[in-house]
Amino acid sequence: MKFFISGETDGQLNDSYRIIRNEIEAQIKTLEGNDYGSEFIGIGIIPIIIDPKRGLFEQGFFKERILIKRKSKDTDIRLRTDFDNFYTASHDAKRLLLLENIIRSIEAIQKRSKGDFKGEKLINDILQLFDIKQETIDHLR
């Protein structure tokens, strides 16, 4: 399974988000050889972290979506993370916020799964990879 992490982020966050995303994506890619079922061959996670004061959400931009492409066995998940929390957070806290978004995205895929996707196993592998407890992630919600 291939993992792709990008982002729809506010310009104020570009550098800090990119650095953290690259760190996380490099580590998550080490899981690509693991078996998470044959239902999906690619998971695309694109967190949305936009300053709500810009009014873009009200104009219909940056909507959350959970897109499951069954024919191509691919996903495109776009969930929001609170801008102010991310903007004011330390590097380590930003890292946790991004991981929380990734885990929420995998949970969303799992809920819509109609096959053998092993989302819980993937989440547990991510938690173990980053040495994080589920309670830490739950506290961020």
N, C-alpha and C. Protein backbone atom coordinates (compact mmCIF):
# COMPACT_ATOMS: atom_id res chain seq x y z
N MET A 1 0.85 -1.17 0.00
CA MET A 1 0.00 0.00 0.00
C MET A 1 0.89 1.24 0.00
N LYS A 2 0.53 2.19 -0.83
CA LYS A 2 1.28 3.45 -0.92
C LYS A 2 0.57 4.53 -0.11
N PHE A 3 1.38 5.37 0.52
CA PHE A 3 0.85 6.48 1.32
C PHE A 3 1.29 7.80 0.71
N PHE A 4 0.34 8.72 0.65
CA PHE A 4 0.61 10.06 0.13
C PHE A 4 0.04 11.06 1.11
N ILE A 5 0.87 11.96 1.60
CA ILE A 5 0.41 13.00 2.52
C ILE A 5 0.78 14.35 1.93
N SER A 6 -0.22 15.20 1.80
CA SER A 6 -0.01 16.54 1.29
C SER A 6 -0.66 17.50 2.27
N GLY A 7 -1.24 18.57 1.79
CA GLY A 7 -1.94 19.47 2.69
C GLY A 7 -2.51 20.66 1.96
N GLU A 8 -3.63 21.12 2.44
CA GLU A 8 -4.21 22.39 2.02
C GLU A 8 -4.04 23.30 3.22
N THR A 9 -2.96 24.09 3.20
CA THR A 9 -2.60 24.85 4.39
C THR A 9 -2.54 26.34 4.10
N ASP A 10 -2.77 27.10 5.14
CA ASP A 10 -2.67 28.55 5.08
C ASP A 10 -1.22 28.93 4.81
N GLY A 11 -1.00 29.98 4.05
CA GLY A 11 0.35 30.42 3.71
C GLY A 11 1.25 30.66 4.91
N GLN A 12 0.65 31.05 6.03
CA GLN A 12 1.42 31.29 7.25
C GLN A 12 2.06 30.02 7.79
N LEU A 13 1.55 28.88 7.36
CA LEU A 13 2.02 27.60 7.91
C LEU A 13 2.92 26.82 6.96
N ASN A 14 3.07 27.27 5.74
CA ASN A 14 3.72 26.47 4.72
C ASN A 14 5.04 25.85 5.17
N ASP A 15 5.96 26.64 5.69
CA ASP A 15 7.28 26.10 6.04
C ASP A 15 7.20 25.11 7.20
N SER A 16 6.54 25.48 8.28
CA SER A 16 6.48 24.58 9.44
C SER A 16 5.71 23.32 9.09
N TYR A 17 4.60 23.45 8.35
CA TYR A 17 3.82 22.28 7.97
C TYR A 17 4.64 21.35 7.07
N ARG A 18 5.31 21.91 6.09
CA ARG A 18 6.09 21.10 5.14
C ARG A 18 7.16 20.28 5.86
N ILE A 19 7.86 20.90 6.79
CA ILE A 19 8.92 20.20 7.53
C ILE A 19 8.33 19.02 8.31
N ILE A 20 7.26 19.27 9.03
CA ILE A 20 6.64 18.22 9.84
C ILE A 20 6.04 17.13 8.94
N ARG A 21 5.36 17.54 7.88
CA ARG A 21 4.77 16.57 6.96
C ARG A 21 5.84 15.66 6.37
N ASN A 22 6.96 16.25 5.95
CA ASN A 22 8.03 15.44 5.37
C ASN A 22 8.58 14.43 6.37
N GLU A 23 8.74 14.85 7.62
CA GLU A 23 9.22 13.94 8.67
C GLU A 23 8.26 12.77 8.84
N ILE A 24 6.98 13.08 8.96
CA ILE A 24 5.97 12.05 9.20
C ILE A 24 5.82 11.15 7.99
N GLU A 25 5.75 11.74 6.81
CA GLU A 25 5.56 10.94 5.60
C GLU A 25 6.72 9.97 5.39
N ALA A 26 7.94 10.40 5.66
CA ALA A 26 9.10 9.51 5.51
C ALA A 26 8.98 8.31 6.43
N GLN A 27 8.52 8.54 7.65
CA GLN A 27 8.38 7.42 8.59
C GLN A 27 7.21 6.52 8.20
N ILE A 28 6.09 7.10 7.80
CA ILE A 28 4.93 6.29 7.44
C ILE A 28 5.22 5.44 6.20
N LYS A 29 6.02 5.95 5.30
CA LYS A 29 6.36 5.18 4.10
C LYS A 29 7.09 3.87 4.45
N THR A 30 7.68 3.79 5.64
CA THR A 30 8.33 2.54 6.04
C THR A 30 7.30 1.43 6.26
N LEU A 31 6.02 1.79 6.36
CA LEU A 31 4.95 0.81 6.55
C LEU A 31 4.39 0.29 5.23
N GLU A 32 4.85 0.82 4.11
CA GLU A 32 4.26 0.48 2.82
C GLU A 32 4.34 -1.01 2.48
N GLY A 33 5.29 -1.72 3.02
CA GLY A 33 5.41 -3.14 2.73
C GLY A 33 4.52 -4.02 3.60
N ASN A 34 3.89 -3.43 4.61
CA ASN A 34 3.02 -4.20 5.51
C ASN A 34 1.70 -4.53 4.83
N ASP A 35 1.03 -5.56 5.34
CA ASP A 35 -0.26 -5.99 4.79
C ASP A 35 -1.39 -5.31 5.53
N TYR A 36 -2.13 -4.46 4.82
CA TYR A 36 -3.31 -3.81 5.39
C TYR A 36 -4.54 -4.18 4.56
N GLY A 37 -4.48 -5.32 3.90
CA GLY A 37 -5.58 -5.79 3.06
C GLY A 37 -5.39 -5.37 1.62
N SER A 38 -6.24 -5.91 0.77
CA SER A 38 -6.13 -5.64 -0.67
C SER A 38 -7.19 -4.66 -1.18
N GLU A 39 -8.01 -4.15 -0.27
CA GLU A 39 -9.09 -3.25 -0.69
C GLU A 39 -8.56 -1.95 -1.30
N PHE A 40 -7.44 -1.44 -0.75
CA PHE A 40 -6.86 -0.19 -1.24
C PHE A 40 -5.39 -0.38 -1.56
N ILE A 41 -4.95 0.27 -2.63
CA ILE A 41 -3.51 0.25 -2.95
C ILE A 41 -2.87 1.60 -2.66
N GLY A 42 -3.71 2.62 -2.42
CA GLY A 42 -3.18 3.94 -2.12
C GLY A 42 -4.08 4.68 -1.15
N ILE A 43 -3.44 5.36 -0.20
CA ILE A 43 -4.17 6.21 0.73
C ILE A 43 -3.59 7.61 0.63
N GLY A 44 -4.43 8.55 0.23
CA GLY A 44 -4.03 9.95 0.14
C GLY A 44 -4.68 10.73 1.27
N ILE A 45 -3.85 11.37 2.08
CA ILE A 45 -4.35 12.15 3.21
C ILE A 45 -3.88 13.59 3.02
N ILE A 46 -4.84 14.49 2.94
CA ILE A 46 -4.56 15.90 2.69
C ILE A 46 -5.23 16.74 3.78
N PRO A 47 -4.55 16.95 4.91
CA PRO A 47 -5.14 17.77 5.98
C PRO A 47 -5.43 19.19 5.50
N ILE A 48 -6.51 19.76 6.03
CA ILE A 48 -6.89 21.14 5.74
C ILE A 48 -6.62 21.96 6.99
N ILE A 49 -5.70 22.92 6.88
CA ILE A 49 -5.38 23.79 8.02
C ILE A 49 -5.36 25.23 7.49
N ILE A 50 -6.53 25.84 7.51
CA ILE A 50 -6.73 27.18 6.95
C ILE A 50 -7.29 28.10 8.03
N ASP A 51 -6.80 29.34 8.06
CA ASP A 51 -7.28 30.33 9.02
C ASP A 51 -8.75 30.64 8.72
N PRO A 52 -9.65 30.32 9.65
CA PRO A 52 -11.08 30.56 9.38
C PRO A 52 -11.43 32.04 9.27
N LYS A 53 -10.57 32.91 9.79
CA LYS A 53 -10.84 34.35 9.72
C LYS A 53 -10.82 34.86 8.28
N ARG A 54 -10.26 34.10 7.40
CA ARG A 54 -10.21 34.50 5.98
C ARG A 54 -11.57 34.39 5.29
N GLY A 55 -12.49 33.65 5.92
CA GLY A 55 -13.84 33.52 5.36
C GLY A 55 -13.96 32.54 4.21
N LEU A 56 -12.94 31.76 3.97
CA LEU A 56 -12.97 30.85 2.82
C LEU A 56 -13.92 29.67 3.02
N PHE A 57 -14.09 29.23 4.26
CA PHE A 57 -15.00 28.12 4.52
C PHE A 57 -16.43 28.53 4.18
N GLU A 58 -16.80 29.75 4.56
CA GLU A 58 -18.15 30.25 4.28
C GLU A 58 -18.39 30.43 2.78
N GLN A 59 -17.33 30.63 2.04
CA GLN A 59 -17.45 30.79 0.59
C GLN A 59 -17.47 29.44 -0.12
N GLY A 60 -17.38 28.36 0.64
CA GLY A 60 -17.46 27.02 0.05
C GLY A 60 -16.13 26.38 -0.28
N PHE A 61 -15.04 27.02 0.10
CA PHE A 61 -13.72 26.46 -0.17
C PHE A 61 -13.28 25.53 0.96
N PHE A 62 -12.39 24.64 0.64
CA PHE A 62 -11.74 23.75 1.60
C PHE A 62 -12.74 22.90 2.39
N LYS A 63 -13.65 22.28 1.67
CA LYS A 63 -14.61 21.39 2.31
C LYS A 63 -13.93 20.06 2.66
N GLU A 64 -14.36 19.50 3.78
CA GLU A 64 -13.88 18.18 4.12
C GLU A 64 -14.48 17.18 3.14
N ARG A 65 -13.71 16.11 2.87
CA ARG A 65 -14.27 15.06 2.02
C ARG A 65 -13.58 13.74 2.31
N ILE A 66 -14.35 12.72 2.11
CA ILE A 66 -13.85 11.35 2.23
C ILE A 66 -14.21 10.68 0.92
N LEU A 67 -13.24 10.61 0.04
CA LEU A 67 -13.46 10.05 -1.30
C LEU A 67 -12.81 8.67 -1.38
N ILE A 68 -13.64 7.68 -1.63
CA ILE A 68 -13.16 6.31 -1.79
C ILE A 68 -13.37 5.94 -3.26
N LYS A 69 -12.28 5.68 -3.95
CA LYS A 69 -12.34 5.30 -5.36
C LYS A 69 -12.18 3.78 -5.43
N ARG A 70 -13.29 3.10 -5.48
CA ARG A 70 -13.26 1.64 -5.40
C ARG A 70 -12.61 1.00 -6.63
N LYS A 71 -12.88 1.53 -7.80
CA LYS A 71 -12.30 0.93 -9.01
C LYS A 71 -10.78 1.01 -9.01
N SER A 72 -10.24 2.18 -8.63
CA SER A 72 -8.78 2.33 -8.64
C SER A 72 -8.15 1.96 -7.30
N LYS A 73 -9.01 1.58 -6.32
CA LYS A 73 -8.55 1.18 -4.99
C LYS A 73 -7.72 2.28 -4.31
N ASP A 74 -8.23 3.49 -4.40
CA ASP A 74 -7.50 4.65 -3.91
C ASP A 74 -8.43 5.49 -3.03
N THR A 75 -7.84 6.29 -2.16
CA THR A 75 -8.62 7.18 -1.31
C THR A 75 -8.04 8.60 -1.36
N ASP A 76 -8.90 9.56 -1.09
CA ASP A 76 -8.51 10.97 -0.99
C ASP A 76 -9.29 11.54 0.19
N ILE A 77 -8.60 11.70 1.31
CA ILE A 77 -9.26 12.12 2.54
C ILE A 77 -8.76 13.52 2.90
N ARG A 78 -9.71 14.44 3.10
CA ARG A 78 -9.39 15.83 3.46
C ARG A 78 -10.22 16.21 4.69
N LEU A 79 -9.55 16.21 5.84
CA LEU A 79 -10.21 16.58 7.09
C LEU A 79 -9.51 17.80 7.67
N ARG A 80 -10.28 18.62 8.37
CA ARG A 80 -9.73 19.85 8.93
C ARG A 80 -9.04 19.61 10.27
N THR A 81 -8.01 20.41 10.49
CA THR A 81 -7.36 20.54 11.78
C THR A 81 -7.46 22.01 12.17
N ASP A 82 -7.74 22.28 13.43
CA ASP A 82 -7.93 23.64 13.90
C ASP A 82 -6.68 24.49 13.63
N PHE A 83 -6.88 25.57 12.89
CA PHE A 83 -5.77 26.44 12.50
C PHE A 83 -5.07 27.06 13.70
N ASP A 84 -5.83 27.65 14.62
CA ASP A 84 -5.22 28.35 15.76
C ASP A 84 -4.41 27.39 16.63
N ASN A 85 -4.95 26.20 16.87
CA ASN A 85 -4.19 25.21 17.64
C ASN A 85 -2.87 24.87 16.96
N PHE A 86 -2.92 24.67 15.66
CA PHE A 86 -1.72 24.31 14.92
C PHE A 86 -0.73 25.47 14.88
N TYR A 87 -1.25 26.66 14.59
CA TYR A 87 -0.40 27.85 14.42
C TYR A 87 0.40 28.17 15.69
N THR A 88 -0.24 28.02 16.85
CA THR A 88 0.41 28.39 18.10
C THR A 88 1.16 27.23 18.76
N ALA A 89 1.06 26.05 18.22
CA ALA A 89 1.66 24.87 18.84
C ALA A 89 3.17 24.81 18.63
N SER A 90 3.83 24.10 19.52
CA SER A 90 5.26 23.81 19.37
C SER A 90 5.43 22.80 18.23
N HIS A 91 6.67 22.59 17.84
CA HIS A 91 6.96 21.63 16.77
C HIS A 91 6.39 20.25 17.13
N ASP A 92 6.64 19.80 18.35
CA ASP A 92 6.16 18.48 18.77
C ASP A 92 4.64 18.41 18.81
N ALA A 93 4.00 19.48 19.25
CA ALA A 93 2.54 19.50 19.30
C ALA A 93 1.95 19.53 17.89
N LYS A 94 2.59 20.25 16.97
CA LYS A 94 2.13 20.25 15.57
C LYS A 94 2.23 18.86 14.99
N ARG A 95 3.28 18.18 15.33
CA ARG A 95 3.49 16.80 14.87
C ARG A 95 2.34 15.91 15.36
N LEU A 96 1.96 16.06 16.62
CA LEU A 96 0.85 15.28 17.17
C LEU A 96 -0.47 15.64 16.49
N LEU A 97 -0.69 16.92 16.23
CA LEU A 97 -1.92 17.34 15.56
C LEU A 97 -2.02 16.76 14.16
N LEU A 98 -0.91 16.70 13.46
CA LEU A 98 -0.93 16.11 12.12
C LEU A 98 -1.16 14.60 12.21
N LEU A 99 -0.53 13.95 13.16
CA LEU A 99 -0.76 12.51 13.34
C LEU A 99 -2.22 12.23 13.72
N GLU A 100 -2.82 13.09 14.53
CA GLU A 100 -4.23 12.93 14.89
C GLU A 100 -5.10 13.02 13.65
N ASN A 101 -4.78 13.95 12.74
CA ASN A 101 -5.53 14.09 11.50
C ASN A 101 -5.39 12.82 10.64
N ILE A 102 -4.18 12.29 10.58
CA ILE A 102 -3.93 11.07 9.81
C ILE A 102 -4.74 9.91 10.38
N ILE A 103 -4.75 9.79 11.69
CA ILE A 103 -5.49 8.69 12.32
C ILE A 103 -6.99 8.86 12.11
N ARG A 104 -7.51 10.08 12.23
CA ARG A 104 -8.93 10.32 11.94
C ARG A 104 -9.26 9.96 10.50
N SER A 105 -8.32 10.24 9.60
CA SER A 105 -8.52 9.92 8.18
C SER A 105 -8.60 8.41 7.97
N ILE A 106 -7.73 7.68 8.62
CA ILE A 106 -7.75 6.22 8.49
C ILE A 106 -9.03 5.66 9.10
N GLU A 107 -9.47 6.22 10.22
CA GLU A 107 -10.74 5.79 10.82
C GLU A 107 -11.90 6.04 9.86
N ALA A 108 -11.88 7.16 9.16
CA ALA A 108 -12.93 7.47 8.19
C ALA A 108 -12.93 6.45 7.05
N ILE A 109 -11.75 6.06 6.61
CA ILE A 109 -11.65 5.04 5.55
C ILE A 109 -12.20 3.72 6.08
N GLN A 110 -11.80 3.36 7.30
CA GLN A 110 -12.24 2.10 7.89
C GLN A 110 -13.76 2.03 7.97
N LYS A 111 -14.41 3.14 8.34
CA LYS A 111 -15.87 3.17 8.45
C LYS A 111 -16.54 2.91 7.11
N ARG A 112 -15.90 3.32 6.03
CA ARG A 112 -16.49 3.16 4.70
C ARG A 112 -15.98 1.91 3.97
N SER A 113 -15.11 1.20 4.62
CA SER A 113 -14.55 -0.01 4.02
C SER A 113 -15.64 -1.05 3.78
N LYS A 114 -15.56 -1.67 2.62
CA LYS A 114 -16.48 -2.75 2.29
C LYS A 114 -15.72 -4.05 2.05
N GLY A 115 -14.44 -4.01 2.36
CA GLY A 115 -13.61 -5.19 2.09
C GLY A 115 -12.72 -5.54 3.26
N ASP A 116 -11.48 -5.83 2.94
CA ASP A 116 -10.56 -6.36 3.95
C ASP A 116 -9.55 -5.33 4.46
N PHE A 117 -9.88 -4.04 4.37
CA PHE A 117 -8.96 -3.02 4.85
C PHE A 117 -8.74 -3.18 6.34
N LYS A 118 -7.48 -3.22 6.74
CA LYS A 118 -7.11 -3.41 8.14
C LYS A 118 -6.70 -2.06 8.75
N GLY A 119 -7.68 -1.19 8.88
CA GLY A 119 -7.44 0.15 9.39
C GLY A 119 -6.94 0.18 10.82
N GLU A 120 -7.51 -0.66 11.66
CA GLU A 120 -7.06 -0.70 13.06
C GLU A 120 -5.61 -1.11 13.16
N LYS A 121 -5.20 -2.07 12.35
CA LYS A 121 -3.80 -2.50 12.34
C LYS A 121 -2.90 -1.36 11.88
N LEU A 122 -3.32 -0.63 10.85
CA LEU A 122 -2.55 0.50 10.36
C LEU A 122 -2.42 1.58 11.44
N ILE A 123 -3.51 1.87 12.11
CA ILE A 123 -3.47 2.87 13.19
C ILE A 123 -2.51 2.42 14.29
N ASN A 124 -2.62 1.17 14.70
CA ASN A 124 -1.73 0.66 15.74
C ASN A 124 -0.27 0.70 15.31
N ASP A 125 -0.02 0.39 14.04
CA ASP A 125 1.36 0.46 13.53
C ASP A 125 1.89 1.89 13.54
N ILE A 126 1.04 2.86 13.21
CA ILE A 126 1.45 4.27 13.24
C ILE A 126 1.73 4.71 14.67
N LEU A 127 0.84 4.35 15.59
CA LEU A 127 1.06 4.70 16.99
C LEU A 127 2.37 4.12 17.50
N GLN A 128 2.63 2.88 17.15
CA GLN A 128 3.88 2.23 17.58
C GLN A 128 5.08 2.87 16.90
N LEU A 129 4.98 3.17 15.63
CA LEU A 129 6.07 3.78 14.87
C LEU A 129 6.50 5.11 15.48
N PHE A 130 5.52 5.89 15.94
CA PHE A 130 5.81 7.21 16.50
C PHE A 130 5.85 7.21 18.03
N ASP A 131 5.72 6.02 18.62
CA ASP A 131 5.78 5.85 20.07
C ASP A 131 4.77 6.77 20.77
N ILE A 132 3.52 6.64 20.33
CA ILE A 132 2.43 7.45 20.85
C ILE A 132 1.34 6.51 21.36
N LYS A 133 0.69 6.91 22.44
CA LYS A 133 -0.44 6.14 22.96
C LYS A 133 -1.73 6.67 22.38
N GLN A 134 -2.70 5.80 22.22
CA GLN A 134 -4.01 6.19 21.69
C GLN A 134 -4.63 7.30 22.55
N GLU A 135 -4.42 7.25 23.84
CA GLU A 135 -4.98 8.26 24.75
C GLU A 135 -4.46 9.66 24.40
N THR A 136 -3.21 9.75 23.97
CA THR A 136 -2.63 11.03 23.59
C THR A 136 -3.38 11.61 22.38
N ILE A 137 -3.66 10.76 21.42
CA ILE A 137 -4.40 11.18 20.22
C ILE A 137 -5.82 11.55 20.60
N ASP A 138 -6.45 10.71 21.43
CA ASP A 138 -7.84 10.98 21.84
C ASP A 138 -7.96 12.31 22.58
N HIS A 139 -6.96 12.67 23.32
CA HIS A 139 -6.97 13.93 24.07
C HIS A 139 -7.00 15.16 23.15
N LEU A 140 -6.50 15.01 21.92
CA LEU A 140 -6.46 16.11 20.96
C LEU A 140 -7.80 16.35 20.27
N ARG A 141 -8.70 15.43 20.39
CA ARG A 141 -9.99 15.53 19.67
C ARG A 141 -10.97 16.43 20.38
